Amino acid sequence: MRVRNVHVREIAAPAEAAGALLADLGGPRDVLWPSPQWAAIELDQPLRIGSGGGHGPIRYHVTDLVPGRRIGFTVEPGIGLRGTHTFTVEPLGPQRCLLRHEIDGHATGAMRLHWVLVVRWLHDAVVEDLLDRAERALGTGPGRANRWSPWVRLVRGLSERPVVRAVPVPVGGLLDPAGADAADAFAVDLQRGLPVDPQRWADAVFRDPPPVVLALLGLRQLLVGLAGIERGTGAEFDTCERGDGEVLLGADAGHLDFRCVVRREPDRLVVATGVWLHGFRGRLYWAVVRRFHPPVVRAMLRRAVRRARVGDAVPAG
């Protein structure tokens, strides 16, 4: 099946200015590719003929390059799409240019249906977001920002769910789990462009939990009094201490002491928890809560990362 898809945007800026944005594509100064809303372009070397990489599962290498005017990528075999995707900048006058992206290729096998139902819609959204980014970077707009369709939002929600996994509790940081009655840690991978300040992540994780977690916290408030346990005040998630790339949250209570570290590492976010129980009430409380603790932490991490990807969280620091 032939696949040809073209997006163009006329921009009120010199071609040289748009070409400079194009020259940084896939590099550390890239402001053109719409990351972190979309998986970033990552190349194995500076932009030149032969540079290889891709975004998400789509892999390609540079086969055509005119600096500041054109970049052509050839898609590598394996996903059922053969062909090229190309960016070009065309001058229209001293203060106007055309930024263009084109896919020209063939879909084979299951990709023929996948392109029609899923890939084309996501592709159209990411390229229009890229064109918006170009106009913002050049100070010319956009007049009307691209809005994702309900279908794009649904597909992204189903296919790009952040994967949270259990990991060893970090050592040598602010959380010392020595003597803890329970300790665990969970991590999620982060892509380029997401916040680096651990305090921002701590606020995103604990100050904006999913509705189901809010419901569980509300139920806890109603039930703990029956066991003679004080109700939460929100201070449990106040920052106690700051370190290199991490913050320590927590509070002491009659039934347990709670500590949690939110650690921002170069390519992932880690949330580690330690609990020290006091007496029968603490053991009774934890016997119930420990069953909900892992899925609650996973849900909060997923929500924080998902909202950061679509720009609903605080901007990157």
C-alpha atoms as a PDB file:
ATOM      1  CA  MET A   1       0.000   0.000   0.000  1.00  0.00           C
ATOM      2  CA  ARG A   2       1.417   3.372  -1.018  1.00  0.00           C
ATOM      3  CA  VAL A   3       1.828   5.826   1.850  1.00  0.00           C
ATOM      4  CA  ARG A   4       2.283   9.503   1.102  1.00  0.00           C
ATOM      5  CA  ASN A   5       1.626  12.064   3.791  1.00  0.00           C
ATOM      6  CA  VAL A   6       2.493  15.764   3.561  1.00  0.00           C
ATOM      7  CA  HIS A   7       2.298  18.585   6.121  1.00  0.00           C
ATOM      8  CA  VAL A   8       3.284  22.173   5.326  1.00  0.00           C
ATOM      9  CA  ARG A   9       3.295  25.390   7.329  1.00  0.00           C
ATOM     10  CA  GLU A  10       3.997  28.868   5.953  1.00  0.00           C
ATOM     11  CA  ILE A  11       5.970  30.792   8.553  1.00  0.00           C
ATOM     12  CA  ALA A  12       6.637  34.531   8.739  1.00  0.00           C
ATOM     13  CA  ALA A  13      10.369  34.131   9.342  1.00  0.00           C
ATOM     14  CA  PRO A  14      13.504  33.879   7.181  1.00  0.00           C
ATOM     15  CA  ALA A  15      14.360  30.438   5.844  1.00  0.00           C
ATOM     16  CA  GLU A  16      17.721  30.704   7.596  1.00  0.00           C
ATOM     17  CA  ALA A  17      16.022  30.956  10.984  1.00  0.00           C
ATOM     18  CA  ALA A  18      13.819  27.921  10.345  1.00  0.00           C
ATOM     19  CA  GLY A  19      16.817  26.075   8.933  1.00  0.00           C
ATOM     20  CA  ALA A  20      18.730  26.672  12.152  1.00  0.00           C
ATOM     21  CA  LEU A  21      15.956  24.893  14.050  1.00  0.00           C
ATOM     22  CA  LEU A  22      16.142  22.026  11.593  1.00  0.00           C
ATOM     23  CA  ALA A  23      19.922  21.770  12.062  1.00  0.00           C
ATOM     24  CA  ASP A  24      19.431  21.058  15.789  1.00  0.00           C
ATOM     25  CA  LEU A  25      16.901  18.259  15.229  1.00  0.00           C
ATOM     26  CA  GLY A  26      17.672  15.269  17.428  1.00  0.00           C
ATOM     27  CA  GLY A  27      20.444  17.064  19.301  1.00  0.00           C
ATOM     28  CA  PRO A  28      20.712  18.415  22.855  1.00  0.00           C
ATOM     29  CA  ARG A  29      19.502  21.884  21.729  1.00  0.00           C
ATOM     30  CA  ASP A  30      16.526  20.556  19.785  1.00  0.00           C
ATOM     31  CA  VAL A  31      13.507  22.818  20.305  1.00  0.00           C
ATOM     32  CA  LEU A  32      11.698  21.658  17.178  1.00  0.00           C
ATOM     33  CA  TRP A  33      10.673  18.106  18.036  1.00  0.00           C
ATOM     34  CA  PRO A  34       7.636  18.153  20.400  1.00  0.00           C
ATOM     35  CA  SER A  35       9.130  16.305  23.353  1.00  0.00           C
ATOM     36  CA  PRO A  36       8.175  15.359  26.064  1.00  0.00           C
ATOM     37  CA  GLN A  37       4.634  15.204  24.687  1.00  0.00           C
ATOM     38  CA  TRP A  38       6.020  12.684  22.206  1.00  0.00           C
ATOM     39  CA  ALA A  39       8.991  10.352  22.432  1.00  0.00           C
ATOM     40  CA  ALA A  40      12.081  12.374  21.540  1.00  0.00           C
ATOM     41  CA  ILE A  41      14.194  11.821  18.446  1.00  0.00           C
ATOM     42  CA  GLU A  42      17.473  10.278  19.580  1.00  0.00           C
ATOM     43  CA  LEU A  43      20.438   9.926  17.234  1.00  0.00           C
ATOM     44  CA  ASP A  44      23.621   7.937  17.840  1.00  0.00           C
ATOM     45  CA  GLN A  45      25.823  10.812  16.641  1.00  0.00           C
ATOM     46  CA  PRO A  46      25.521  14.461  15.609  1.00  0.00           C
ATOM     47  CA  LEU A  47      23.278  15.044  12.614  1.00  0.00           C
ATOM     48  CA  ARG A  48      25.105  13.864   9.495  1.00  0.00           C
ATOM     49  CA  ILE A  49      24.726  11.330   6.682  1.00  0.00           C
ATOM     50  CA  GLY A  50      24.636   7.918   8.337  1.00  0.00           C
ATOM     51  CA  SER A  51      23.381   9.099  11.732  1.00  0.00           C
ATOM     52  CA  GLY A  52      21.016   6.481  13.093  1.00  0.00           C
ATOM     53  CA  GLY A  53      18.263   6.536  15.690  1.00  0.00           C
ATOM     54  CA  GLY A  54      14.573   7.190  15.789  1.00  0.00           C
ATOM     55  CA  HIS A  55      11.654   8.011  18.012  1.00  0.00           C
ATOM     56  CA  GLY A  56       9.704   5.396  19.901  1.00  0.00           C
ATOM     57  CA  PRO A  57       9.648   2.110  17.951  1.00  0.00           C
ATOM     58  CA  ILE A  58      10.340   3.809  14.592  1.00  0.00           C
ATOM     59  CA  ARG A  59      14.000   3.540  13.601  1.00  0.00           C
ATOM     60  CA  TYR A  60      15.722   5.294  10.711  1.00  0.00           C
ATOM     61  CA  HIS A  61      19.001   6.785   9.536  1.00  0.00           C
ATOM     62  CA  VAL A  62      19.971   9.980   7.728  1.00  0.00           C
ATOM     63  CA  THR A  63      20.383   9.453   3.988  1.00  0.00           C
ATOM     64  CA  ASP A  64      19.928  13.011   2.670  1.00  0.00           C
ATOM     65  CA  LEU A  65      21.232  16.210   4.237  1.00  0.00           C
ATOM     66  CA  VAL A  66      21.462  19.790   3.014  1.00  0.00           C
ATOM     67  CA  PRO A  67      22.298  21.800   6.157  1.00  0.00           C
ATOM     68  CA  GLY A  68      19.578  24.288   7.005  1.00  0.00           C
ATOM     69  CA  ARG A  69      17.409  23.172   4.074  1.00  0.00           C
ATOM     70  CA  ARG A  70      16.653  19.431   4.067  1.00  0.00           C
ATOM     71  CA  ILE A  71      16.989  16.300   6.178  1.00  0.00           C
ATOM     72  CA  GLY A  72      15.925  12.961   4.740  1.00  0.00           C
ATOM     73  CA  PHE A  73      15.589   9.822   6.853  1.00  0.00           C
ATOM     74  CA  THR A  74      15.215   6.294   5.485  1.00  0.00           C
ATOM     75  CA  VAL A  75      13.058   4.067   7.656  1.00  0.00           C
ATOM     76  CA  GLU A  76      14.720   0.827   8.707  1.00  0.00           C
ATOM     77  CA  PRO A  77      13.003  -2.521   8.053  1.00  0.00           C
ATOM     78  CA  GLY A  78      11.055  -4.194  10.790  1.00  0.00           C
ATOM     79  CA  ILE A  79       7.896  -2.182  11.351  1.00  0.00           C
ATOM     80  CA  GLY A  80       6.258  -2.833   7.992  1.00  0.00           C
ATOM     81  CA  LEU A  81       6.885   0.626   6.561  1.00  0.00           C
ATOM     82  CA  ARG A  82       9.514   1.125   3.837  1.00  0.00           C
ATOM     83  CA  GLY A  83      10.429   4.554   2.592  1.00  0.00           C
ATOM     84  CA  THR A  84      11.567   7.994   3.731  1.00  0.00           C
ATOM     85  CA  HIS A  85      10.444  10.859   5.868  1.00  0.00           C
ATOM     86  CA  THR A  86      11.866  14.231   4.996  1.00  0.00           C
ATOM     87  CA  PHE A  87      11.943  17.754   6.461  1.00  0.00           C
ATOM     88  CA  THR A  88      12.538  20.692   4.135  1.00  0.00           C
ATOM     89  CA  VAL A  89      12.689  24.466   4.470  1.00  0.00           C
ATOM     90  CA  GLU A  90      11.777  26.415   1.349  1.00  0.00           C
ATOM     91  CA  PRO A  91      12.337  30.206   1.182  1.00  0.00           C
ATOM     92  CA  LEU A  92       9.330  32.222   0.035  1.00  0.00           C
ATOM     93  CA  GLY A  93      10.980  35.623   0.354  1.00  0.00           C
ATOM     94  CA  PRO A  94      13.225  37.547   2.750  1.00  0.00           C
ATOM     95  CA  GLN A  95      10.851  37.102   5.703  1.00  0.00           C
ATOM     96  CA  ARG A  96       8.784  34.036   4.798  1.00  0.00           C
ATOM     97  CA  CYS A  97       9.441  30.346   4.377  1.00  0.00           C
ATOM     98  CA  LEU A  98       7.674  27.022   4.099  1.00  0.00           C
ATOM     99  CA  LEU A  99       8.414  24.212   6.552  1.00  0.00           C
ATOM    100  CA  ARG A 100       7.433  20.858   5.101  1.00  0.00           C
ATOM    101  CA  HIS A 101       7.382  17.247   6.251  1.00  0.00           C
ATOM    102  CA  GLU A 102       6.696  14.361   3.898  1.00  0.00           C
ATOM    103  CA  ILE A 103       6.441  10.597   4.234  1.00  0.00           C
ATOM    104  CA  ASP A 104       6.831   8.655   0.997  1.00  0.00           C
ATOM    105  CA  GLY A 105       6.838   4.890   1.185  1.00  0.00           C
ATOM    106  CA  HIS A 106       4.932   1.629   1.244  1.00  0.00           C
ATOM    107  CA  ALA A 107       3.172  -0.154   4.082  1.00  0.00           C
ATOM    108  CA  THR A 108       3.293  -3.943   4.116  1.00  0.00           C
ATOM    109  CA  GLY A 109       1.694  -6.683   6.175  1.00  0.00           C
ATOM    110  CA  ALA A 110      -0.142  -5.616   9.315  1.00  0.00           C
ATOM    111  CA  MET A 111       1.161  -2.053   8.944  1.00  0.00           C
ATOM    112  CA  ARG A 112      -1.342  -1.474   6.132  1.00  0.00           C
ATOM    113  CA  LEU A 113      -4.218  -1.669   8.600  1.00  0.00           C
ATOM    114  CA  HIS A 114      -2.195  -0.196  11.474  1.00  0.00           C
ATOM    115  CA  TRP A 115      -1.367   2.870   9.382  1.00  0.00           C
ATOM    116  CA  VAL A 116      -4.997   3.516   8.550  1.00  0.00           C
ATOM    117  CA  LEU A 117      -6.326   2.994  12.076  1.00  0.00           C
ATOM    118  CA  VAL A 118      -3.539   4.251  14.326  1.00  0.00           C
ATOM    119  CA  VAL A 119      -0.189   5.377  12.934  1.00  0.00           C
ATOM    120  CA  ARG A 120      -1.454   8.030  10.524  1.00  0.00           C
ATOM    121  CA  TRP A 121      -3.477   9.732  13.255  1.00  0.00           C
ATOM    122  CA  LEU A 122      -0.549   9.828  15.651  1.00  0.00           C
ATOM    123  CA  HIS A 123       1.791  10.944  12.887  1.00  0.00           C
ATOM    124  CA  ASP A 124      -0.485  13.821  11.886  1.00  0.00           C
ATOM    125  CA  ALA A 125      -0.692  14.970  15.511  1.00  0.00           C
ATOM    126  CA  VAL A 126       3.048  14.881  16.159  1.00  0.00           C
ATOM    127  CA  VAL A 127       3.927  16.733  12.946  1.00  0.00           C
ATOM    128  CA  GLU A 128       1.340  19.463  13.584  1.00  0.00           C
ATOM    129  CA  ASP A 129       2.709  19.804  17.130  1.00  0.00           C
ATOM    130  CA  LEU A 130       6.196  20.122  15.609  1.00  0.00           C
ATOM    131  CA  LEU A 131       5.040  22.877  13.265  1.00  0.00           C
ATOM    132  CA  ASP A 132       3.491  24.691  16.231  1.00  0.00           C
ATOM    133  CA  ARG A 133       6.810  24.405  18.059  1.00  0.00           C
ATOM    134  CA  ALA A 134       8.607  25.895  15.073  1.00  0.00           C
ATOM    135  CA  GLU A 135       6.331  28.939  15.068  1.00  0.00           C
ATOM    136  CA  ARG A 136       6.688  29.422  18.821  1.00  0.00           C
ATOM    137  CA  ALA A 137      10.476  29.183  18.617  1.00  0.00           C
ATOM    138  CA  LEU A 138      10.516  31.742  15.799  1.00  0.00           C
ATOM    139  CA  GLY A 139       8.053  34.052  17.574  1.00  0.00           C
ATOM    140  CA  THR A 140       5.421  33.941  14.837  1.00  0.00           C
ATOM    141  CA  GLY A 141       2.545  31.991  16.395  1.00  0.00           C
ATOM    142  CA  PRO A 142       0.869  29.629  15.982  1.00  0.00           C
ATOM    143  CA  GLY A 143      -2.391  31.435  15.395  1.00  0.00           C
ATOM    144  CA  ARG A 144      -4.338  28.362  16.455  1.00  0.00           C
ATOM    145  CA  ALA A 145      -2.484  25.603  18.271  1.00  0.00           C
ATOM    146  CA  ASN A 146      -2.975  22.004  17.231  1.00  0.00           C
ATOM    147  CA  ARG A 147      -5.456  20.073  19.363  1.00  0.00           C
ATOM    148  CA  TRP A 148      -5.357  16.302  19.591  1.00  0.00           C
ATOM    149  CA  SER A 149      -8.497  14.536  18.473  1.00  0.00           C
ATOM    150  CA  PRO A 150     -10.366  12.285  20.927  1.00  0.00           C
ATOM    151  CA  TRP A 151      -9.073   9.290  18.928  1.00  0.00           C
ATOM    152  CA  VAL A 152      -5.447  10.392  19.323  1.00  0.00           C
ATOM    153  CA  ARG A 153      -5.934  10.874  23.057  1.00  0.00           C
ATOM    154  CA  LEU A 154      -7.531   7.445  23.365  1.00  0.00           C
ATOM    155  CA  VAL A 155      -4.791   5.686  21.402  1.00  0.00           C
ATOM    156  CA  ARG A 156      -2.052   7.435  23.381  1.00  0.00           C
ATOM    157  CA  GLY A 157      -3.752   6.556  26.646  1.00  0.00           C
ATOM    158  CA  LEU A 158      -3.915   2.889  25.688  1.00  0.00           C
ATOM    159  CA  SER A 159      -0.494   2.544  24.079  1.00  0.00           C
ATOM    160  CA  GLU A 160       1.743   4.890  26.064  1.00  0.00           C
ATOM    161  CA  ARG A 161       0.869   3.943  29.615  1.00  0.00           C
ATOM    162  CA  PRO A 162       4.006   4.538  31.716  1.00  0.00           C
ATOM    163  CA  VAL A 163       5.499   1.276  32.974  1.00  0.00           C
ATOM    164  CA  VAL A 164       6.206   1.341  36.718  1.00  0.00           C
ATOM    165  CA  ARG A 165       8.372  -1.458  38.080  1.00  0.00           C
ATOM    166  CA  ALA A 166       9.605  -2.512  41.511  1.00  0.00           C
ATOM    167  CA  VAL A 167      13.318  -1.816  42.067  1.00  0.00           C
ATOM    168  CA  PRO A 168      15.767  -2.167  44.982  1.00  0.00           C
ATOM    169  CA  VAL A 169      15.595   0.616  47.561  1.00  0.00           C
ATOM    170  CA  PRO A 170      18.347   3.144  46.659  1.00  0.00           C
ATOM    171  CA  VAL A 171      21.327   3.176  48.993  1.00  0.00           C
ATOM    172  CA  GLY A 172      23.443   6.116  50.036  1.00  0.00           C
ATOM    173  CA  GLY A 173      20.669   8.694  49.787  1.00  0.00           C
ATOM    174  CA  LEU A 174      18.348  10.473  52.185  1.00  0.00           C
ATOM    175  CA  LEU A 175      16.318   7.358  52.978  1.00  0.00           C
ATOM    176  CA  ASP A 176      18.062   4.940  55.314  1.00  0.00           C
ATOM    177  CA  PRO A 177      15.841   1.845  55.535  1.00  0.00           C
ATOM    178  CA  ALA A 178      17.894   0.314  58.336  1.00  0.00           C
ATOM    179  CA  GLY A 179      15.556  -1.089  60.964  1.00  0.00           C
ATOM    180  CA  ALA A 180      12.446  -0.373  58.922  1.00  0.00           C
ATOM    181  CA  ASP A 181       9.553  -2.805  59.279  1.00  0.00           C
ATOM    182  CA  ALA A 182       8.824  -2.376  55.567  1.00  0.00           C
ATOM    183  CA  ALA A 183      10.658  -0.708  52.678  1.00  0.00           C
ATOM    184  CA  ASP A 184      10.180  -0.737  48.932  1.00  0.00           C
ATOM    185  CA  ALA A 185      10.864   1.309  45.819  1.00  0.00           C
ATOM    186  CA  PHE A 186       9.266   1.805  42.432  1.00  0.00           C
ATOM    187  CA  ALA A 187      10.701   3.425  39.308  1.00  0.00           C
ATOM    188  CA  VAL A 188       9.466   4.698  35.970  1.00  0.00           C
ATOM    189  CA  ASP A 189      11.601   5.641  32.967  1.00  0.00           C
ATOM    190  CA  LEU A 190      11.613   9.296  31.917  1.00  0.00           C
ATOM    191  CA  GLN A 191      12.278  10.713  28.489  1.00  0.00           C
ATOM    192  CA  ARG A 192      14.185  13.833  27.597  1.00  0.00           C
ATOM    193  CA  GLY A 193      12.468  17.140  28.326  1.00  0.00           C
ATOM    194  CA  LEU A 194      10.646  16.170  31.512  1.00  0.00           C
ATOM    195  CA  PRO A 195      11.232  18.056  34.798  1.00  0.00           C
ATOM    196  CA  VAL A 196      14.532  17.526  36.576  1.00  0.00           C
ATOM    197  CA  ASP A 197      13.658  19.069  39.948  1.00  0.00           C
ATOM    198  CA  PRO A 198      12.722  16.254  42.386  1.00  0.00           C
ATOM    199  CA  GLN A 199      10.522  18.648  44.380  1.00  0.00           C
ATOM    200  CA  ARG A 200       8.382  19.229  41.299  1.00  0.00           C
ATOM    201  CA  TRP A 201       7.973  15.481  40.956  1.00  0.00           C
ATOM    202  CA  ALA A 202       7.181  15.060  44.649  1.00  0.00           C
ATOM    203  CA  ASP A 203       4.417  17.646  44.296  1.00  0.00           C
ATOM    204  CA  ALA A 204       3.146  16.008  41.102  1.00  0.00           C
ATOM    205  CA  VAL A 205       3.066  12.545  42.693  1.00  0.00           C
ATOM    206  CA  PHE A 206       1.650  13.349  46.121  1.00  0.00           C
ATOM    207  CA  ARG A 207      -0.288  16.596  45.666  1.00  0.00           C
ATOM    208  CA  ASP A 208      -2.214  15.501  42.576  1.00  0.00           C
ATOM    209  CA  PRO A 209      -3.097  11.799  43.004  1.00  0.00           C
ATOM    210  CA  PRO A 210      -5.552   9.922  40.750  1.00  0.00           C
ATOM    211  CA  PRO A 211      -9.249  10.050  41.727  1.00  0.00           C
ATOM    212  CA  VAL A 212      -9.205   6.427  42.903  1.00  0.00           C
ATOM    213  CA  VAL A 213      -6.340   7.230  45.294  1.00  0.00           C
ATOM    214  CA  LEU A 214      -8.209  10.274  46.582  1.00  0.00           C
ATOM    215  CA  ALA A 215     -11.176   8.002  47.261  1.00  0.00           C
ATOM    216  CA  LEU A 216      -8.991   5.548  49.184  1.00  0.00           C
ATOM    217  CA  LEU A 217      -7.479   8.369  51.227  1.00  0.00           C
ATOM    218  CA  GLY A 218     -10.961   9.619  52.041  1.00  0.00           C
ATOM    219  CA  LEU A 219     -11.989   6.131  53.148  1.00  0.00           C
ATOM    220  CA  ARG A 220      -8.887   5.927  55.312  1.00  0.00           C
ATOM    221  CA  GLN A 221      -9.828   9.177  57.021  1.00  0.00           C
ATOM    222  CA  LEU A 222     -13.232   7.718  57.887  1.00  0.00           C
ATOM    223  CA  LEU A 223     -11.976   4.373  59.204  1.00  0.00           C
ATOM    224  CA  VAL A 224      -8.748   5.041  61.094  1.00  0.00           C
ATOM    225  CA  GLY A 225     -10.546   6.709  63.968  1.00  0.00           C
ATOM    226  CA  LEU A 226     -12.291   3.412  64.710  1.00  0.00           C
ATOM    227  CA  ALA A 227      -8.880   1.888  65.477  1.00  0.00           C
ATOM    228  CA  GLY A 228      -7.726   4.821  67.574  1.00  0.00           C
ATOM    229  CA  ILE A 229      -5.339   6.082  64.887  1.00  0.00           C
ATOM    230  CA  GLU A 230      -5.045   9.809  64.224  1.00  0.00           C
ATOM    231  CA  ARG A 231      -6.324  11.077  60.890  1.00  0.00           C
ATOM    232  CA  GLY A 232      -3.956  12.419  58.288  1.00  0.00           C
ATOM    233  CA  THR A 233      -3.413  16.161  57.958  1.00  0.00           C
ATOM    234  CA  GLY A 234      -1.485  16.259  54.678  1.00  0.00           C
ATOM    235  CA  ALA A 235       1.761  16.959  56.526  1.00  0.00           C
ATOM    236  CA  GLU A 236       2.778  13.383  55.783  1.00  0.00           C
ATOM    237  CA  PHE A 237       3.813  14.570  52.336  1.00  0.00           C
ATOM    238  CA  ASP A 238       5.712  17.674  53.433  1.00  0.00           C
ATOM    239  CA  THR A 239       9.369  17.879  52.469  1.00  0.00           C
ATOM    240  CA  CYS A 240      11.693  17.155  55.407  1.00  0.00           C
ATOM    241  CA  GLU A 241      15.048  17.350  53.686  1.00  0.00           C
ATOM    242  CA  ARG A 242      16.600  17.992  50.305  1.00  0.00           C
ATOM    243  CA  GLY A 243      19.616  16.276  48.823  1.00  0.00           C
ATOM    244  CA  ASP A 244      21.419  15.870  45.532  1.00  0.00           C
ATOM    245  CA  GLY A 245      18.644  15.022  43.070  1.00  0.00           C
ATOM    246  CA  GLU A 246      16.193  13.859  45.721  1.00  0.00           C
ATOM    247  CA  VAL A 247      13.823  15.058  48.415  1.00  0.00           C
ATOM    248  CA  LEU A 248      12.735  13.307  51.612  1.00  0.00           C
ATOM    249  CA  LEU A 249       9.089  13.442  52.703  1.00  0.00           C
ATOM    250  CA  GLY A 250       7.481  12.059  55.810  1.00  0.00           C
ATOM    251  CA  ALA A 251       6.057  12.441  59.284  1.00  0.00           C
ATOM    252  CA  ASP A 252       5.928  10.655  62.613  1.00  0.00           C
ATOM    253  CA  ALA A 253       2.680   9.410  64.162  1.00  0.00           C
ATOM    254  CA  GLY A 254       1.632   7.346  67.115  1.00  0.00           C
ATOM    255  CA  HIS A 255       1.148   4.188  65.093  1.00  0.00           C
ATOM    256  CA  LEU A 256       4.063   4.514  62.619  1.00  0.00           C
ATOM    257  CA  ASP A 257       6.811   6.709  61.226  1.00  0.00           C
ATOM    258  CA  PHE A 258       6.716   7.226  57.461  1.00  0.00           C
ATOM    259  CA  ARG A 259       9.555   8.340  55.173  1.00  0.00           C
ATOM    260  CA  CYS A 260       9.564   8.572  51.385  1.00  0.00           C
ATOM    261  CA  VAL A 261      12.281   9.652  48.987  1.00  0.00           C
ATOM    262  CA  VAL A 262      11.512  11.018  45.531  1.00  0.00           C
ATOM    263  CA  ARG A 263      14.707  10.688  43.493  1.00  0.00           C
ATOM    264  CA  ARG A 264      15.225  12.123  39.997  1.00  0.00           C
ATOM    265  CA  GLU A 265      17.898  10.126  38.223  1.00  0.00           C
ATOM    266  CA  PRO A 266      19.162  10.882  34.686  1.00  0.00           C
ATOM    267  CA  ASP A 267      16.713   8.543  32.977  1.00  0.00           C
ATOM    268  CA  ARG A 268      14.161   7.569  35.596  1.00  0.00           C
ATOM    269  CA  LEU A 269      12.121   8.654  38.616  1.00  0.00           C
ATOM    270  CA  VAL A 270      12.291   6.569  41.797  1.00  0.00           C
ATOM    271  CA  VAL A 271       9.921   6.675  44.768  1.00  0.00           C
ATOM    272  CA  ALA A 272      11.202   4.732  47.798  1.00  0.00           C
ATOM    273  CA  THR A 273       9.302   4.267  51.052  1.00  0.00           C
ATOM    274  CA  GLY A 274      10.253   3.160  54.552  1.00  0.00           C
ATOM    275  CA  VAL A 275       7.848   2.443  57.427  1.00  0.00           C
ATOM    276  CA  TRP A 276       8.632   1.995  61.117  1.00  0.00           C
ATOM    277  CA  LEU A 277       5.666   0.548  63.061  1.00  0.00           C
ATOM    278  CA  HIS A 278       4.705   1.306  66.674  1.00  0.00           C
ATOM    279  CA  GLY A 279       2.751  -1.218  68.710  1.00  0.00           C
ATOM    280  CA  PHE A 280      -0.363  -3.188  67.924  1.00  0.00           C
ATOM    281  CA  ARG A 281      -2.170  -0.324  66.170  1.00  0.00           C
ATOM    282  CA  GLY A 282       0.734   0.189  63.795  1.00  0.00           C
ATOM    283  CA  ARG A 283       0.923  -3.513  62.925  1.00  0.00           C
ATOM    284  CA  LEU A 284      -2.853  -3.696  62.434  1.00  0.00           C
ATOM    285  CA  TYR A 285      -2.863  -0.595  60.259  1.00  0.00           C
ATOM    286  CA  TRP A 286       0.022  -1.801  58.089  1.00  0.00           C
ATOM    287  CA  ALA A 287      -1.487  -5.282  57.697  1.00  0.00           C
ATOM    288  CA  VAL A 288      -4.309  -3.604  55.776  1.00  0.00           C
ATOM    289  CA  VAL A 289      -2.496  -0.717  54.088  1.00  0.00           C
ATOM    290  CA  ARG A 290       0.422  -2.797  52.751  1.00  0.00           C
ATOM    291  CA  ARG A 291      -1.962  -4.508  50.331  1.00  0.00           C
ATOM    292  CA  PHE A 292      -2.935  -1.176  48.793  1.00  0.00           C
ATOM    293  CA  HIS A 293       0.446   0.530  48.993  1.00  0.00           C
ATOM    294  CA  PRO A 294       2.111  -0.885  45.806  1.00  0.00           C
ATOM    295  CA  PRO A 295      -0.821  -0.258  43.418  1.00  0.00           C
ATOM    296  CA  VAL A 296      -1.360   3.199  44.932  1.00  0.00           C
ATOM    297  CA  VAL A 297       2.285   4.212  44.396  1.00  0.00           C
ATOM    298  CA  ARG A 298       2.222   2.798  40.866  1.00  0.00           C
ATOM    299  CA  ALA A 299      -0.968   4.715  40.055  1.00  0.00           C
ATOM    300  CA  MET A 300       0.432   7.991  41.402  1.00  0.00           C
ATOM    301  CA  LEU A 301       3.673   7.602  39.438  1.00  0.00           C
ATOM    302  CA  ARG A 302       1.826   6.771  36.230  1.00  0.00           C
ATOM    303  CA  ARG A 303      -0.438   9.802  36.590  1.00  0.00           C
ATOM    304  CA  ALA A 304       2.445  12.178  37.319  1.00  0.00           C
ATOM    305  CA  VAL A 305       4.438  11.019  34.298  1.00  0.00           C
ATOM    306  CA  ARG A 306       1.423  10.911  31.992  1.00  0.00           C
ATOM    307  CA  ARG A 307       0.418  14.484  32.900  1.00  0.00           C
ATOM    308  CA  ALA A 308       4.002  15.695  32.515  1.00  0.00           C
ATOM    309  CA  ARG A 309       4.174  14.185  29.021  1.00  0.00           C
ATOM    310  CA  VAL A 310       1.130  16.096  27.806  1.00  0.00           C
ATOM    311  CA  GLY A 311       2.158  19.324  29.480  1.00  0.00           C
ATOM    312  CA  ASP A 312      -0.300  19.293  32.391  1.00  0.00           C
ATOM    313  CA  ALA A 313       2.488  19.166  34.975  1.00  0.00           C
ATOM    314  CA  VAL A 314       4.881  21.960  35.875  1.00  0.00           C
ATOM    315  CA  PRO A 315       7.397  22.772  33.138  1.00  0.00           C
ATOM    316  CA  ALA A 316      10.807  21.187  33.112  1.00  0.00           C
ATOM    317  CA  GLY A 317      13.308  22.801  35.437  1.00  0.00           C
END
